[in-house]
Amino acid sequence: MFDNYKYKMSLKELEKQAKFLKRQRQMHNLTTARRVGIIFYLSSSKEFDAMLEFKGMLQQKNLWVEAMGYFPDKEIPQLYTLQPGVSIISKNDINWYGKPISLISNDFVQKDFDILIDISQEEIVPLRWLATLSKAKFKVGALNYFNNPFDLMVTTNKLKGLPYLTSQIFKTLEVFNNRFAEQEL
């Protein structure tokens, strides 16, 4: 009962703060983008490895990529904190509403990403705050929930896993609104 109350209060507060968000909306693909942000849920090393592989695929396209993850515990294992360009927040970095309040999360949402990609496969309140309050020009996500902040949603079967989802997002962004993309898909 209390968790449901906290969730509803968090969404109300997020809606209030989102009204004041000013961002320049602009469609981007992997050809036109230069800066990409990734947000992800980190509950296992498999998810971390899938995110790193996805980050590497984007970097091969000569994109500057930065990732922000949410770890659902108070202590972040050191293994996850050693990757360059990857920041992790934990339960210690969120307030009662689930809003990320750390300096690294505030810096992340203020960055002027051409594309922000949410690769979480479940609705995670701190990641929803990051996605909604980000000033990214084009937001891509894998979840369809009420009042989502995404400009483009790429939905796949969750049972196929995160590597499949990231490959589908990559393929979609590669051909999305790209006049140089192959006609055959």
Protein backbone atom coordinates (compact mmCIF):
# COMPACT_ATOMS: atom_id res chain seq x y z
CA MET A 1 0.00 0.00 0.00
CA PHE A 2 2.72 2.49 0.98
CA ASP A 3 4.84 1.69 -2.09
CA ASN A 4 1.85 2.39 -4.34
CA TYR A 5 1.34 5.71 -2.53
CA LYS A 6 5.02 6.62 -2.98
CA TYR A 7 4.82 5.72 -6.67
CA LYS A 8 1.77 7.93 -7.24
CA MET A 9 3.33 10.83 -5.33
CA SER A 10 6.55 10.44 -7.32
CA LEU A 11 4.65 10.63 -10.62
CA LYS A 12 2.75 13.72 -9.44
CA GLU A 13 5.99 15.45 -8.45
CA LEU A 14 7.66 14.41 -11.71
CA GLU A 15 4.74 15.79 -13.71
CA LYS A 16 5.03 19.13 -11.86
CA GLN A 17 8.76 19.40 -12.57
CA ALA A 18 8.43 18.26 -16.19
CA LYS A 19 6.13 21.23 -16.93
CA PHE A 20 9.10 23.56 -16.52
CA LEU A 21 11.43 21.53 -18.75
CA LYS A 22 12.51 23.37 -21.86
CA ARG A 23 14.25 21.30 -24.50
CA GLN A 24 14.81 21.69 -28.19
CA ARG A 25 13.15 18.67 -29.83
CA GLN A 26 14.86 17.43 -32.94
CA MET A 27 14.87 14.03 -34.62
CA HIS A 28 18.25 12.35 -34.87
CA ASN A 29 19.60 9.07 -36.13
CA LEU A 30 23.06 7.54 -35.91
CA THR A 31 24.22 9.59 -38.90
CA THR A 32 23.14 13.00 -37.61
CA ALA A 33 23.81 12.51 -33.89
CA ARG A 34 27.12 13.36 -32.22
CA ARG A 35 26.36 12.90 -28.50
CA VAL A 36 24.36 9.97 -27.12
CA GLY A 37 23.26 9.23 -23.58
CA ILE A 38 22.22 5.79 -22.36
CA ILE A 39 20.24 5.09 -19.20
CA PHE A 40 19.93 1.54 -17.93
CA TYR A 41 18.89 -0.61 -14.99
CA LEU A 42 21.73 -2.56 -13.43
CA SER A 43 20.57 -5.63 -11.58
CA SER A 44 23.11 -8.12 -12.96
CA SER A 45 26.44 -8.29 -14.73
CA LYS A 46 24.62 -9.57 -17.86
CA GLU A 47 22.80 -6.25 -18.17
CA PHE A 48 26.03 -4.35 -17.60
CA ASP A 49 27.81 -6.36 -20.31
CA ALA A 50 24.91 -5.82 -22.74
CA MET A 51 25.03 -2.07 -22.08
CA LEU A 52 28.81 -1.98 -22.61
CA GLU A 53 28.43 -3.85 -25.90
CA PHE A 54 25.72 -1.40 -27.01
CA LYS A 55 27.90 1.54 -25.95
CA GLY A 56 30.76 0.08 -28.00
CA MET A 57 28.52 -0.29 -31.07
CA LEU A 58 27.57 3.37 -30.80
CA GLN A 59 31.18 4.46 -30.32
CA GLN A 60 32.14 2.60 -33.51
CA LYS A 61 29.86 5.07 -35.29
CA ASN A 62 32.14 7.87 -33.98
CA LEU A 63 29.61 8.99 -31.39
CA TRP A 64 30.47 10.42 -27.99
CA VAL A 65 28.57 8.14 -25.58
CA GLU A 66 27.91 8.50 -21.87
CA ALA A 67 25.85 6.07 -19.78
CA MET A 68 24.03 6.40 -16.46
CA GLY A 69 22.82 3.32 -14.62
CA TYR A 70 20.72 2.69 -11.55
CA PHE A 71 21.82 -0.04 -9.13
CA PRO A 72 18.95 -1.09 -6.79
CA ASP A 73 21.06 -1.40 -3.63
CA LYS A 74 22.98 0.98 -1.39
CA GLU A 75 26.50 -0.27 -2.19
CA ILE A 76 27.64 -0.28 -5.83
CA PRO A 77 30.13 -3.08 -6.60
CA GLN A 78 33.48 -1.67 -7.65
CA LEU A 79 33.35 -3.68 -10.88
CA TYR A 80 30.66 -1.31 -12.18
CA THR A 81 32.43 1.91 -11.22
CA LEU A 82 35.63 1.37 -13.21
CA GLN A 83 34.30 1.86 -16.75
CA PRO A 84 35.06 5.23 -18.38
CA GLY A 85 31.97 7.08 -19.54
CA VAL A 86 29.68 5.06 -17.26
CA SER A 87 28.20 6.47 -14.05
CA ILE A 88 26.13 4.48 -11.60
CA ILE A 89 23.71 5.76 -8.98
CA SER A 90 22.26 3.70 -6.14
CA LYS A 91 19.51 3.91 -3.53
CA ASN A 92 21.73 6.34 -1.62
CA ASP A 93 21.49 8.78 -4.53
CA ILE A 94 17.69 9.08 -4.70
CA ASN A 95 15.19 10.87 -2.48
CA TRP A 96 11.88 9.69 -1.05
CA TYR A 97 10.13 10.27 -4.41
CA GLY A 98 12.70 8.18 -6.26
CA LYS A 99 14.22 11.27 -7.85
CA PRO A 100 17.99 11.05 -8.42
CA ILE A 101 19.60 13.82 -6.35
CA SER A 102 23.32 13.20 -6.83
CA LEU A 103 25.57 15.65 -8.66
CA ILE A 104 26.38 13.12 -11.38
CA SER A 105 22.69 12.54 -12.13
CA ASN A 106 22.01 16.30 -12.18
CA ASP A 107 24.93 16.79 -14.58
CA PHE A 108 23.67 13.94 -16.76
CA VAL A 109 20.16 15.39 -17.23
CA GLN A 110 21.61 18.83 -18.04
CA LYS A 111 23.82 17.50 -20.86
CA ASP A 112 22.77 18.37 -24.37
CA PHE A 113 22.53 14.87 -25.86
CA ASP A 114 21.37 14.52 -29.44
CA ILE A 115 19.82 11.15 -28.50
CA LEU A 116 18.94 9.74 -25.09
CA ILE A 117 18.29 5.99 -25.08
CA ASP A 118 16.56 4.23 -22.19
CA ILE A 119 17.33 0.51 -22.46
CA SER A 120 15.56 -0.57 -19.29
CA GLN A 121 12.95 -3.27 -19.80
CA GLU A 122 10.88 -2.40 -16.73
CA GLU A 123 9.63 0.88 -15.39
CA ILE A 124 12.19 2.00 -12.81
CA VAL A 125 11.21 5.26 -11.09
CA PRO A 126 14.72 6.82 -10.88
CA LEU A 127 15.30 6.08 -14.58
CA ARG A 128 11.92 7.56 -15.44
CA TRP A 129 13.00 10.77 -13.65
CA LEU A 130 16.26 10.83 -15.63
CA ALA A 131 14.51 10.24 -18.97
CA THR A 132 11.78 12.79 -18.32
CA LEU A 133 14.00 15.59 -17.03
CA SER A 134 16.78 15.10 -19.59
CA LYS A 135 17.33 17.96 -22.01
CA ALA A 136 18.13 15.53 -24.83
CA LYS A 137 16.83 16.54 -28.23
CA PHE A 138 15.52 13.08 -29.15
CA LYS A 139 14.47 10.46 -26.59
CA VAL A 140 14.21 6.77 -27.42
CA GLY A 141 12.87 4.13 -25.07
CA ALA A 142 11.78 0.54 -24.92
CA LEU A 143 8.87 0.92 -22.54
CA ASN A 144 5.35 2.00 -23.19
CA TYR A 145 3.75 3.39 -20.05
CA PHE A 146 1.35 6.21 -19.40
CA ASN A 147 2.86 9.66 -19.90
CA ASN A 148 6.24 8.36 -21.07
CA PRO A 149 8.81 10.96 -22.19
CA PHE A 150 9.94 9.18 -25.37
CA ASP A 151 9.79 10.56 -28.88
CA LEU A 152 10.35 7.07 -30.33
CA MET A 153 9.57 3.70 -28.77
CA VAL A 154 11.17 0.46 -29.89
CA THR A 155 9.32 -2.42 -28.31
CA THR A 156 10.40 -6.05 -28.37
CA ASN A 157 9.54 -9.21 -26.50
CA LYS A 158 11.20 -8.98 -23.05
CA LEU A 159 11.96 -12.71 -23.15
CA LYS A 160 14.45 -12.12 -25.99
CA GLY A 161 16.63 -10.17 -23.58
CA LEU A 162 18.54 -6.93 -23.46
CA PRO A 163 21.09 -7.74 -26.23
CA TYR A 164 18.21 -8.25 -28.67
CA LEU A 165 16.57 -4.99 -27.57
CA THR A 166 19.78 -3.00 -27.98
CA SER A 167 20.39 -4.48 -31.44
CA GLN A 168 16.85 -3.50 -32.48
CA ILE A 169 17.30 0.04 -31.16
CA PHE A 170 20.63 0.28 -32.99
CA LYS A 171 19.10 -0.95 -36.29
CA THR A 172 16.12 1.37 -35.91
CA LEU A 173 18.29 4.43 -35.25
CA GLU A 174 20.59 3.49 -38.11
CA VAL A 175 17.79 3.64 -40.71
CA PHE A 176 15.40 6.04 -38.99
CA ASN A 177 14.85 9.11 -41.16
CA ASN A 178 18.18 8.41 -42.89
CA ARG A 179 18.23 9.19 -46.57
CA PHE A 180 21.46 7.24 -46.95
CA ALA A 181 20.05 4.02 -45.47
CA GLU A 182 19.50 1.02 -47.71
CA GLN A 183 16.00 0.66 -49.07
CA GLU A 184 15.83 -3.05 -48.26
CA LEU A 185 15.14 -4.05 -44.66
